[in-house]
Amino acid sequence: LVEIPEKKDYKMMFNKVKSISWSKATEYLPLDEF
């Protein structure tokens, strides 16, 4: 549940967070599963 300021593109924001969280996933999760 997130509030996106009016001037920000929510689609771009969601995809950016997905991309970065994927790149950092190995710090938190076993990659053979995620």
Full PDB file with SEQRES, HELIX, SHEET, SSBOND, CRYST1, ORIGX, SCALE, CONECT and MASTER records, all heavy atoms in Angstrom:
SEQRES   1 A   34  LEU VAL GLU ILE PRO GLU LYS LYS ASP TYR LYS MET MET          
SEQRES   2 A   34  PHE ASN LYS VAL LYS SER ILE SER TRP SER LYS ALA THR          
SEQRES   3 A   34  GLU TYR LEU PRO LEU ASP GLU PHE                              
HELIX    1 AA1 TYR A   10  LYS A   24  1                                  15    
HELIX    2 AA2 ALA A   25  GLU A   27  5                                   3    
CRYST1    1.000    1.000    1.000  90.00  90.00  90.00 P 1           1          
ORIGX1      1.000000  0.000000  0.000000        0.00000                         
ORIGX2      0.000000  1.000000  0.000000        0.00000                         
ORIGX3      0.000000  0.000000  1.000000        0.00000                         
SCALE1      1.000000  0.000000  0.000000        0.00000                         
SCALE2      0.000000  1.000000  0.000000        0.00000                         
SCALE3      0.000000  0.000000  1.000000        0.00000                         
ATOM      1  N   LEU A   1       0.879  -1.170   0.000  1.00  0.00           N  
ATOM      2  CA  LEU A   1       0.000   0.000   0.000  1.00  0.00           C  
ATOM      3  C   LEU A   1       0.907   1.206   0.000  1.00  0.00           C  
ATOM      4  O   LEU A   1       1.641   1.440   0.959  1.00  0.00           O  
ATOM      5  CB  LEU A   1      -0.892   0.019   1.244  1.00  0.00           C  
ATOM      6  CG  LEU A   1      -1.893  -1.110   1.364  1.00  0.00           C  
ATOM      7  CD1 LEU A   1      -2.670  -0.981   2.675  1.00  0.00           C  
ATOM      8  CD2 LEU A   1      -2.845  -1.130   0.192  1.00  0.00           C  
ATOM      9  N   VAL A   2       0.879   1.956  -1.083  1.00  0.00           N  
ATOM     10  CA  VAL A   2       1.842   3.035  -1.263  1.00  0.00           C  
ATOM     11  C   VAL A   2       1.159   4.255  -1.873  1.00  0.00           C  
ATOM     12  O   VAL A   2       0.269   4.121  -2.715  1.00  0.00           O  
ATOM     13  CB  VAL A   2       3.032   2.560  -2.132  1.00  0.00           C  
ATOM     14  CG1 VAL A   2       2.580   2.119  -3.516  1.00  0.00           C  
ATOM     15  CG2 VAL A   2       4.109   3.611  -2.235  1.00  0.00           C  
ATOM     16  N   GLU A   3       1.582   5.403  -1.421  1.00  0.00           N  
ATOM     17  CA  GLU A   3       1.082   6.660  -1.976  1.00  0.00           C  
ATOM     18  C   GLU A   3       2.116   7.174  -2.976  1.00  0.00           C  
ATOM     19  O   GLU A   3       3.287   7.333  -2.639  1.00  0.00           O  
ATOM     20  CB  GLU A   3       0.883   7.675  -0.852  1.00  0.00           C  
ATOM     21  CG  GLU A   3       0.194   8.933  -1.292  1.00  0.00           C  
ATOM     22  CD  GLU A   3      -0.199   9.824  -0.116  1.00  0.00           C  
ATOM     23  OE1 GLU A   3      -0.426   9.306   1.004  1.00  0.00           O  
ATOM     24  OE2 GLU A   3      -0.266  11.035  -0.330  1.00  0.00           O  
ATOM     25  N   ILE A   4       1.662   7.399  -4.187  1.00  0.00           N  
ATOM     26  CA  ILE A   4       2.546   7.896  -5.242  1.00  0.00           C  
ATOM     27  C   ILE A   4       2.189   9.364  -5.491  1.00  0.00           C  
ATOM     28  O   ILE A   4       1.057   9.664  -5.849  1.00  0.00           O  
ATOM     29  CB  ILE A   4       2.386   7.090  -6.557  1.00  0.00           C  
ATOM     30  CG1 ILE A   4       2.555   5.589  -6.316  1.00  0.00           C  
ATOM     31  CG2 ILE A   4       3.349   7.605  -7.618  1.00  0.00           C  
ATOM     32  CD1 ILE A   4       3.927   5.143  -5.895  1.00  0.00           C  
ATOM     33  N   PRO A   5       3.150  10.257  -5.270  1.00  0.00           N  
ATOM     34  CA  PRO A   5       2.868  11.677  -5.522  1.00  0.00           C  
ATOM     35  C   PRO A   5       2.394  11.906  -6.958  1.00  0.00           C  
ATOM     36  O   PRO A   5       2.818  11.205  -7.889  1.00  0.00           O  
ATOM     37  CB  PRO A   5       4.214  12.357  -5.273  1.00  0.00           C  
ATOM     38  CG  PRO A   5       4.932  11.430  -4.350  1.00  0.00           C  
ATOM     39  CD  PRO A   5       4.490  10.048  -4.766  1.00  0.00           C  
ATOM     40  N   GLU A   6       1.539  12.879  -7.123  1.00  0.00           N  
ATOM     41  CA  GLU A   6       0.897  13.156  -8.407  1.00  0.00           C  
ATOM     42  C   GLU A   6       1.896  13.325  -9.551  1.00  0.00           C  
ATOM     43  O   GLU A   6       1.654  12.904 -10.663  1.00  0.00           O  
ATOM     44  CB  GLU A   6       0.046  14.416  -8.274  1.00  0.00           C  
ATOM     45  CG  GLU A   6      -0.697  14.781  -9.518  1.00  0.00           C  
ATOM     46  CD  GLU A   6      -1.522  16.030  -9.368  1.00  0.00           C  
ATOM     47  OE1 GLU A   6      -1.402  16.725  -8.338  1.00  0.00           O  
ATOM     48  OE2 GLU A   6      -2.279  16.313 -10.292  1.00  0.00           O  
ATOM     49  N   LYS A   7       3.026  13.915  -9.275  1.00  0.00           N  
ATOM     50  CA  LYS A   7       3.987  14.201 -10.337  1.00  0.00           C  
ATOM     51  C   LYS A   7       4.824  12.993 -10.742  1.00  0.00           C  
ATOM     52  O   LYS A   7       5.590  13.061 -11.685  1.00  0.00           O  
ATOM     53  CB  LYS A   7       4.894  15.357  -9.915  1.00  0.00           C  
ATOM     54  CG  LYS A   7       4.120  16.647  -9.793  1.00  0.00           C  
ATOM     55  CD  LYS A   7       5.011  17.806  -9.481  1.00  0.00           C  
ATOM     56  CE  LYS A   7       4.176  19.015  -9.579  1.00  0.00           C  
ATOM     57  NZ  LYS A   7       4.126  20.047  -8.869  1.00  0.00           N  
ATOM     58  N   LYS A   8       4.673  11.887 -10.029  1.00  0.00           N  
ATOM     59  CA  LYS A   8       5.449  10.685 -10.354  1.00  0.00           C  
ATOM     60  C   LYS A   8       4.586   9.711 -11.155  1.00  0.00           C  
ATOM     61  O   LYS A   8       3.397   9.593 -10.925  1.00  0.00           O  
ATOM     62  CB  LYS A   8       5.955  10.007  -9.085  1.00  0.00           C  
ATOM     63  CG  LYS A   8       6.944  10.875  -8.328  1.00  0.00           C  
ATOM     64  CD  LYS A   8       7.592  10.110  -7.207  1.00  0.00           C  
ATOM     65  CE  LYS A   8       8.462  11.025  -6.395  1.00  0.00           C  
ATOM     66  NZ  LYS A   8       9.856  10.775  -6.550  1.00  0.00           N  
ATOM     67  N   ASP A   9       5.209   9.021 -12.068  1.00  0.00           N  
ATOM     68  CA  ASP A   9       4.539   8.025 -12.888  1.00  0.00           C  
ATOM     69  C   ASP A   9       4.490   6.712 -12.110  1.00  0.00           C  
ATOM     70  O   ASP A   9       5.528   6.091 -11.871  1.00  0.00           O  
ATOM     71  CB  ASP A   9       5.306   7.862 -14.196  1.00  0.00           C  
ATOM     72  CG  ASP A   9       4.720   6.817 -15.130  1.00  0.00           C  
ATOM     73  OD1 ASP A   9       3.912   5.974 -14.679  1.00  0.00           O  
ATOM     74  OD2 ASP A   9       5.082   6.840 -16.311  1.00  0.00           O  
ATOM     75  N   TYR A  10       3.297   6.298 -11.709  1.00  0.00           N  
ATOM     76  CA  TYR A  10       3.185   5.113 -10.856  1.00  0.00           C  
ATOM     77  C   TYR A  10       3.686   3.853 -11.562  1.00  0.00           C  
ATOM     78  O   TYR A  10       4.315   3.010 -10.935  1.00  0.00           O  
ATOM     79  CB  TYR A  10       1.751   4.927 -10.337  1.00  0.00           C  
ATOM     80  CG  TYR A  10       0.748   4.469 -11.364  1.00  0.00           C  
ATOM     81  CD1 TYR A  10       0.440   3.120 -11.499  1.00  0.00           C  
ATOM     82  CD2 TYR A  10       0.095   5.377 -12.199  1.00  0.00           C  
ATOM     83  CE1 TYR A  10      -0.478   2.696 -12.427  1.00  0.00           C  
ATOM     84  CE2 TYR A  10      -0.820   4.955 -13.134  1.00  0.00           C  
ATOM     85  CZ  TYR A  10      -1.104   3.616 -13.251  1.00  0.00           C  
ATOM     86  OH  TYR A  10      -2.013   3.194 -14.178  1.00  0.00           O  
ATOM     87  N   LYS A  11       3.443   3.706 -12.867  1.00  0.00           N  
ATOM     88  CA  LYS A  11       3.917   2.514 -13.583  1.00  0.00           C  
ATOM     89  C   LYS A  11       5.440   2.446 -13.578  1.00  0.00           C  
ATOM     90  O   LYS A  11       6.021   1.389 -13.318  1.00  0.00           O  
ATOM     91  CB  LYS A  11       3.413   2.517 -15.026  1.00  0.00           C  
ATOM     92  CG  LYS A  11       1.940   2.287 -15.159  1.00  0.00           C  
ATOM     93  CD  LYS A  11       1.541   2.346 -16.618  1.00  0.00           C  
ATOM     94  CE  LYS A  11       0.042   2.262 -16.760  1.00  0.00           C  
ATOM     95  NZ  LYS A  11      -0.379   2.394 -18.159  1.00  0.00           N  
ATOM     96  N   MET A  12       6.059   3.583 -13.852  1.00  0.00           N  
ATOM     97  CA  MET A  12       7.517   3.615 -13.851  1.00  0.00           C  
ATOM     98  C   MET A  12       8.046   3.328 -12.441  1.00  0.00           C  
ATOM     99  O   MET A  12       9.024   2.598 -12.276  1.00  0.00           O  
ATOM    100  CB  MET A  12       8.023   4.979 -14.346  1.00  0.00           C  
ATOM    101  CG  MET A  12       9.505   4.997 -14.586  1.00  0.00           C  
ATOM    102  SD  MET A  12      10.114   6.422 -15.502  1.00  0.00           S  
ATOM    103  CE  MET A  12       9.298   7.791 -14.760  1.00  0.00           C  
ATOM    104  N   MET A  13       7.392   3.870 -11.425  1.00  0.00           N  
ATOM    105  CA  MET A  13       7.800   3.651 -10.038  1.00  0.00           C  
ATOM    106  C   MET A  13       7.699   2.171  -9.669  1.00  0.00           C  
ATOM    107  O   MET A  13       8.622   1.591  -9.093  1.00  0.00           O  
ATOM    108  CB  MET A  13       6.933   4.488  -9.095  1.00  0.00           C  
ATOM    109  CG  MET A  13       7.320   4.383  -7.654  1.00  0.00           C  
ATOM    110  SD  MET A  13       8.929   5.090  -7.293  1.00  0.00           S  
ATOM    111  CE  MET A  13       8.635   6.787  -7.747  1.00  0.00           C  
ATOM    112  N   PHE A  14       6.583   1.526 -10.007  1.00  0.00           N  
ATOM    113  CA  PHE A  14       6.402   0.112  -9.682  1.00  0.00           C  
ATOM    114  C   PHE A  14       7.459  -0.744 -10.377  1.00  0.00           C  
ATOM    115  O   PHE A  14       8.051  -1.632  -9.765  1.00  0.00           O  
ATOM    116  CB  PHE A  14       5.006  -0.375 -10.078  1.00  0.00           C  
ATOM    117  CG  PHE A  14       3.875   0.277  -9.318  1.00  0.00           C  
ATOM    118  CD1 PHE A  14       2.591   0.223  -9.808  1.00  0.00           C  
ATOM    119  CD2 PHE A  14       4.088   0.951  -8.124  1.00  0.00           C  
ATOM    120  CE1 PHE A  14       1.532   0.815  -9.123  1.00  0.00           C  
ATOM    121  CE2 PHE A  14       3.040   1.559  -7.431  1.00  0.00           C  
ATOM    122  CZ  PHE A  14       1.763   1.476  -7.937  1.00  0.00           C  
ATOM    123  N   ASN A  15       7.702  -0.469 -11.647  1.00  0.00           N  
ATOM    124  CA  ASN A  15       8.692  -1.260 -12.385  1.00  0.00           C  
ATOM    125  C   ASN A  15      10.102  -1.026 -11.873  1.00  0.00           C  
ATOM    126  O   ASN A  15      10.915  -1.955 -11.833  1.00  0.00           O  
ATOM    127  CB  ASN A  15       8.581  -0.989 -13.887  1.00  0.00           C  
ATOM    128  CG  ASN A  15       7.356  -1.660 -14.468  1.00  0.00           C  
ATOM    129  OD1 ASN A  15       7.012  -2.776 -14.098  1.00  0.00           O  
ATOM    130  ND2 ASN A  15       6.678  -0.976 -15.365  1.00  0.00           N  
ATOM    131  N   LYS A  16      10.410   0.191 -11.449  1.00  0.00           N  
ATOM    132  CA  LYS A  16      11.734   0.499 -10.888  1.00  0.00           C  
ATOM    133  C   LYS A  16      11.947  -0.293  -9.596  1.00  0.00           C  
ATOM    134  O   LYS A  16      12.999  -0.894  -9.378  1.00  0.00           O  
ATOM    135  CB  LYS A  16      11.840   2.000 -10.635  1.00  0.00           C  
ATOM    136  CG  LYS A  16      13.175   2.459 -10.169  1.00  0.00           C  
ATOM    137  CD  LYS A  16      14.105   2.514 -11.326  1.00  0.00           C  
ATOM    138  CE  LYS A  16      15.306   3.362 -11.005  1.00  0.00           C  
ATOM    139  NZ  LYS A  16      16.300   3.261 -12.066  1.00  0.00           N  
ATOM    140  N   VAL A  17      10.942  -0.294  -8.716  1.00  0.00           N  
ATOM    141  CA  VAL A  17      11.045  -1.035  -7.453  1.00  0.00           C  
ATOM    142  C   VAL A  17      11.172  -2.530  -7.716  1.00  0.00           C  
ATOM    143  O   VAL A  17      11.978  -3.210  -7.072  1.00  0.00           O  
ATOM    144  CB  VAL A  17       9.856  -0.701  -6.523  1.00  0.00           C  
ATOM    145  CG1 VAL A  17       9.787  -1.661  -5.349  1.00  0.00           C  
ATOM    146  CG2 VAL A  17       9.954   0.741  -6.038  1.00  0.00           C  
ATOM    147  N   LYS A  18      10.428  -3.051  -8.671  1.00  0.00           N  
ATOM    148  CA  LYS A  18      10.562  -4.471  -9.022  1.00  0.00           C  
ATOM    149  C   LYS A  18      11.984  -4.773  -9.489  1.00  0.00           C  
ATOM    150  O   LYS A  18      12.585  -5.754  -9.061  1.00  0.00           O  
ATOM    151  CB  LYS A  18       9.568  -4.847 -10.122  1.00  0.00           C  
ATOM    152  CG  LYS A  18       8.170  -5.085  -9.631  1.00  0.00           C  
ATOM    153  CD  LYS A  18       7.211  -5.358 -10.765  1.00  0.00           C  
ATOM    154  CE  LYS A  18       7.583  -6.577 -11.555  1.00  0.00           C  
ATOM    155  NZ  LYS A  18       6.650  -6.861 -12.657  1.00  0.00           N  
ATOM    156  N   SER A  19      12.506  -3.936 -10.346  1.00  0.00           N  
ATOM    157  CA  SER A  19      13.839  -4.154 -10.900  1.00  0.00           C  
ATOM    158  C   SER A  19      14.921  -4.121  -9.817  1.00  0.00           C  
ATOM    159  O   SER A  19      15.773  -5.001  -9.739  1.00  0.00           O  
ATOM    160  CB  SER A  19      14.120  -3.094 -11.964  1.00  0.00           C  
ATOM    161  OG  SER A  19      15.432  -3.199 -12.434  1.00  0.00           O  
ATOM    162  N   ILE A  20      14.875  -3.113  -8.968  1.00  0.00           N  
ATOM    163  CA  ILE A  20      15.893  -2.983  -7.923  1.00  0.00           C  
ATOM    164  C   ILE A  20      15.750  -4.110  -6.890  1.00  0.00           C  
ATOM    165  O   ILE A  20      16.746  -4.681  -6.452  1.00  0.00           O  
ATOM    166  CB  ILE A  20      15.841  -1.599  -7.255  1.00  0.00           C  
ATOM    167  CG1 ILE A  20      16.202  -0.523  -8.283  1.00  0.00           C  
ATOM    168  CG2 ILE A  20      16.785  -1.529  -6.061  1.00  0.00           C  
ATOM    169  CD1 ILE A  20      15.947   0.894  -7.803  1.00  0.00           C  
ATOM    170  N   SER A  21      14.522  -4.427  -6.510  1.00  0.00           N  
ATOM    171  CA  SER A  21      14.340  -5.499  -5.516  1.00  0.00           C  
ATOM    172  C   SER A  21      14.821  -6.830  -6.075  1.00  0.00           C  
ATOM    173  O   SER A  21      15.389  -7.642  -5.353  1.00  0.00           O  
ATOM    174  CB  SER A  21      12.887  -5.584  -5.045  1.00  0.00           C  
ATOM    175  OG  SER A  21      12.014  -5.931  -6.098  1.00  0.00           O  
ATOM    176  N   TRP A  22      14.631  -7.050  -7.367  1.00  0.00           N  
ATOM    177  CA  TRP A  22      15.146  -8.272  -7.991  1.00  0.00           C  
ATOM    178  C   TRP A  22      16.666  -8.289  -7.931  1.00  0.00           C  
ATOM    179  O   TRP A  22      17.274  -9.289  -7.577  1.00  0.00           O  
ATOM    180  CB  TRP A  22      14.643  -8.378  -9.420  1.00  0.00           C  
ATOM    181  CG  TRP A  22      15.425  -9.288 -10.326  1.00  0.00           C  
ATOM    182  CD1 TRP A  22      15.946  -8.969 -11.533  1.00  0.00           C  
ATOM    183  CD2 TRP A  22      15.770 -10.655 -10.112  1.00  0.00           C  
ATOM    184  NE1 TRP A  22      16.599 -10.046 -12.079  1.00  0.00           N  
ATOM    185  CE2 TRP A  22      16.507 -11.101 -11.224  1.00  0.00           C  
ATOM    186  CE3 TRP A  22      15.557 -11.558  -9.082  1.00  0.00           C  
ATOM    187  CZ2 TRP A  22      17.013 -12.396 -11.343  1.00  0.00           C  
ATOM    188  CZ3 TRP A  22      16.064 -12.854  -9.198  1.00  0.00           C  
ATOM    189  CH2 TRP A  22      16.775 -13.258 -10.313  1.00  0.00           C  
ATOM    190  N   SER A  23      17.298  -7.157  -8.224  1.00  0.00           N  
ATOM    191  CA  SER A  23      18.767  -7.129  -8.223  1.00  0.00           C  
ATOM    192  C   SER A  23      19.354  -7.287  -6.820  1.00  0.00           C  
ATOM    193  O   SER A  23      20.468  -7.748  -6.669  1.00  0.00           O  
ATOM    194  CB  SER A  23      19.280  -5.849  -8.885  1.00  0.00           C  
ATOM    195  OG  SER A  23      19.026  -4.728  -8.078  1.00  0.00           O  
ATOM    196  N   LYS A  24      18.601  -6.913  -5.793  1.00  0.00           N  
ATOM    197  CA  LYS A  24      19.086  -7.026  -4.416  1.00  0.00           C  
ATOM    198  C   LYS A  24      18.561  -8.276  -3.702  1.00  0.00           C  
ATOM    199  O   LYS A  24      18.878  -8.504  -2.542  1.00  0.00           O  
ATOM    200  CB  LYS A  24      18.691  -5.775  -3.628  1.00  0.00           C  
ATOM    201  CG  LYS A  24      19.403  -4.528  -4.117  1.00  0.00           C  
ATOM    202  CD  LYS A  24      19.103  -3.371  -3.188  1.00  0.00           C  
ATOM    203  CE  LYS A  24      19.941  -2.183  -3.542  1.00  0.00           C  
ATOM    204  NZ  LYS A  24      21.297  -2.267  -3.066  1.00  0.00           N  
ATOM    205  N   ALA A  25      17.761  -9.063  -4.385  1.00  0.00           N  
ATOM    206  CA  ALA A  25      17.113 -10.227  -3.757  1.00  0.00           C  
ATOM    207  C   ALA A  25      18.110 -11.199  -3.146  1.00  0.00           C  
ATOM    208  O   ALA A  25      17.838 -11.804  -2.107  1.00  0.00           O  
ATOM    209  CB  ALA A  25      16.224 -10.942  -4.769  1.00  0.00           C  
ATOM    210  N   THR A  26      19.277 -11.357  -3.772  1.00  0.00           N  
ATOM    211  CA  THR A  26      20.249 -12.330  -3.267  1.00  0.00           C  
ATOM    212  C   THR A  26      20.741 -11.988  -1.864  1.00  0.00           C  
ATOM    213  O   THR A  26      21.215 -12.857  -1.157  1.00  0.00           O  
ATOM    214  CB  THR A  26      21.465 -12.434  -4.209  1.00  0.00           C  
ATOM    215  OG1 THR A  26      22.033 -11.141  -4.375  1.00  0.00           O  
ATOM    216  CG2 THR A  26      21.074 -13.007  -5.547  1.00  0.00           C  
ATOM    217  N   GLU A  27      20.609 -10.731  -1.463  1.00  0.00           N  
ATOM    218  CA  GLU A  27      21.010 -10.344  -0.108  1.00  0.00           C  
ATOM    219  C   GLU A  27      20.018 -10.839   0.942  1.00  0.00           C  
ATOM    220  O   GLU A  27      20.332 -10.888   2.127  1.00  0.00           O  
ATOM    221  CB  GLU A  27      21.127  -8.822  -0.009  1.00  0.00           C  
ATOM    222  CG  GLU A  27      22.182  -8.226  -0.925  1.00  0.00           C  
ATOM    223  CD  GLU A  27      22.146  -6.704  -0.931  1.00  0.00           C  
ATOM    224  OE1 GLU A  27      21.754  -6.096   0.094  1.00  0.00           O  
ATOM    225  OE2 GLU A  27      22.509  -6.112  -1.965  1.00  0.00           O  
ATOM    226  N   TYR A  28      18.812 -11.211   0.499  1.00  0.00           N  
ATOM    227  CA  TYR A  28      17.736 -11.558   1.426  1.00  0.00           C  
ATOM    228  C   TYR A  28      17.160 -12.958   1.214  1.00  0.00           C  
ATOM    229  O   TYR A  28      16.624 -13.550   2.152  1.00  0.00           O  
ATOM    230  CB  TYR A  28      16.589 -10.546   1.296  1.00  0.00           C  
ATOM    231  CG  TYR A  28      17.043  -9.132   1.535  1.00  0.00           C  
ATOM    232  CD1 TYR A  28      17.476  -8.335   0.490  1.00  0.00           C  
ATOM    233  CD2 TYR A  28      17.075  -8.605   2.820  1.00  0.00           C  
ATOM    234  CE1 TYR A  28      17.917  -7.040   0.709  1.00  0.00           C  
ATOM    235  CE2 TYR A  28      17.522  -7.316   3.051  1.00  0.00           C  
ATOM    236  CZ  TYR A  28      17.941  -6.545   1.992  1.00  0.00           C  
ATOM    237  OH  TYR A  28      18.392  -5.265   2.213  1.00  0.00           O  
ATOM    238  N   LEU A  29      17.236 -13.453  -0.019  1.00  0.00           N  
ATOM    239  CA  LEU A  29      16.561 -14.702  -0.365  1.00  0.00           C  
ATOM    240  C   LEU A  29      17.499 -15.640  -1.121  1.00  0.00           C  
ATOM    241  O   LEU A  29      18.357 -15.179  -1.868  1.00  0.00           O  
ATOM    242  CB  LEU A  29      15.354 -14.409  -1.269  1.00  0.00           C  
ATOM    243  CG  LEU A  29      14.317 -13.426  -0.749  1.00  0.00           C  
ATOM    244  CD1 LEU A  29      13.325 -13.096  -1.844  1.00  0.00           C  
ATOM    245  CD2 LEU A  29      13.607 -13.966   0.475  1.00  0.00           C  
ATOM    246  N   PRO A  30      17.302 -16.952  -0.985  1.00  0.00           N  
ATOM    247  CA  PRO A  30      18.079 -17.893  -1.799  1.00  0.00           C  
ATOM    248  C   PRO A  30      17.641 -17.790  -3.266  1.00  0.00           C  
ATOM    249  O   PRO A  30      16.460 -17.865  -3.567  1.00  0.00           O  
ATOM    250  CB  PRO A  30      17.720 -19.259  -1.224  1.00  0.00           C  
ATOM    251  CG  PRO A  30      16.649 -19.049  -0.227  1.00  0.00           C  
ATOM    252  CD  PRO A  30      16.417 -17.589  -0.055  1.00  0.00           C  
ATOM    253  N   LEU A  31      18.579 -17.565  -4.153  1.00  0.00           N  
ATOM    254  CA  LEU A  31      18.248 -17.344  -5.567  1.00  0.00           C  
ATOM    255  C   LEU A  31      17.682 -18.570  -6.259  1.00  0.00           C  
ATOM    256  O   LEU A  31      16.998 -18.441  -7.262  1.00  0.00           O  
ATOM    257  CB  LEU A  31      19.480 -16.865  -6.334  1.00  0.00           C  
ATOM    258  CG  LEU A  31      19.461 -15.394  -6.694  1.00  0.00           C  
ATOM    259  CD1 LEU A  31      20.636 -15.015  -7.549  1.00  0.00           C  
ATOM    260  CD2 LEU A  31      18.180 -14.941  -7.324  1.00  0.00           C  
ATOM    261  N   ASP A  32      17.948 -19.764  -5.728  1.00  0.00           N  
ATOM    262  CA  ASP A  32      17.360 -20.938  -6.364  1.00  0.00           C  
ATOM    263  C   ASP A  32      15.846 -20.967  -6.171  1.00  0.00           C  
ATOM    264  O   ASP A  32      15.140 -21.649  -6.900  1.00  0.00           O  
ATOM    265  CB  ASP A  32      17.999 -22.227  -5.845  1.00  0.00           C  
ATOM    266  CG  ASP A  32      17.891 -22.380  -4.342  1.00  0.00           C  
ATOM    267  OD1 ASP A  32      17.900 -21.361  -3.625  1.00  0.00           O  
ATOM    268  OD2 ASP A  32      17.814 -23.527  -3.876  1.00  0.00           O  
ATOM    269  N   GLU A  33      15.339 -20.199  -5.213  1.00  0.00           N  
ATOM    270  CA  GLU A  33      13.899 -20.131  -4.993  1.00  0.00           C  
ATOM    271  C   GLU A  33      13.292 -18.878  -5.618  1.00  0.00           C  
ATOM    272  O   GLU A  33      12.279 -18.934  -6.289  1.00  0.00           O  
ATOM    273  CB  GLU A  33      13.587 -20.209  -3.498  1.00  0.00           C  
ATOM    274  CG  GLU A  33      13.945 -21.572  -2.939  1.00  0.00           C  
ATOM    275  CD  GLU A  33      13.833 -21.658  -1.435  1.00  0.00           C  
ATOM    276  OE1 GLU A  33      13.448 -20.679  -0.783  1.00  0.00           O  
ATOM    277  OE2 GLU A  33      14.169 -22.726  -0.904  1.00  0.00           O  
ATOM    278  N   PHE A  34      13.918 -17.728  -5.391  1.00  0.00           N  
ATOM    279  CA  PHE A  34      13.406 -16.482  -5.968  1.00  0.00           C  
ATOM    280  C   PHE A  34      14.122 -16.230  -7.286  1.00  0.00           C  
ATOM    281  O   PHE A  34      15.304 -15.927  -7.319  1.00  0.00           O  
ATOM    282  CB  PHE A  34      13.638 -15.299  -5.023  1.00  0.00           C  
ATOM    283  CG  PHE A  34      13.050 -14.012  -5.546  1.00  0.00           C  
ATOM    284  CD1 PHE A  34      11.696 -13.758  -5.403  1.00  0.00           C  
ATOM    285  CD2 PHE A  34      13.833 -13.071  -6.181  1.00  0.00           C  
ATOM    286  CE1 PHE A  34      11.143 -12.591  -5.888  1.00  0.00           C  
ATOM    287  CE2 PHE A  34      13.293 -11.893  -6.667  1.00  0.00           C  
ATOM    288  CZ  PHE A  34      11.931 -11.652  -6.520  1.00  0.00           C  
TER     289      PHE A  34                                                      
MASTER        0    0    0    2    0    0    0    6  288    1    0    3          
END                                                                             
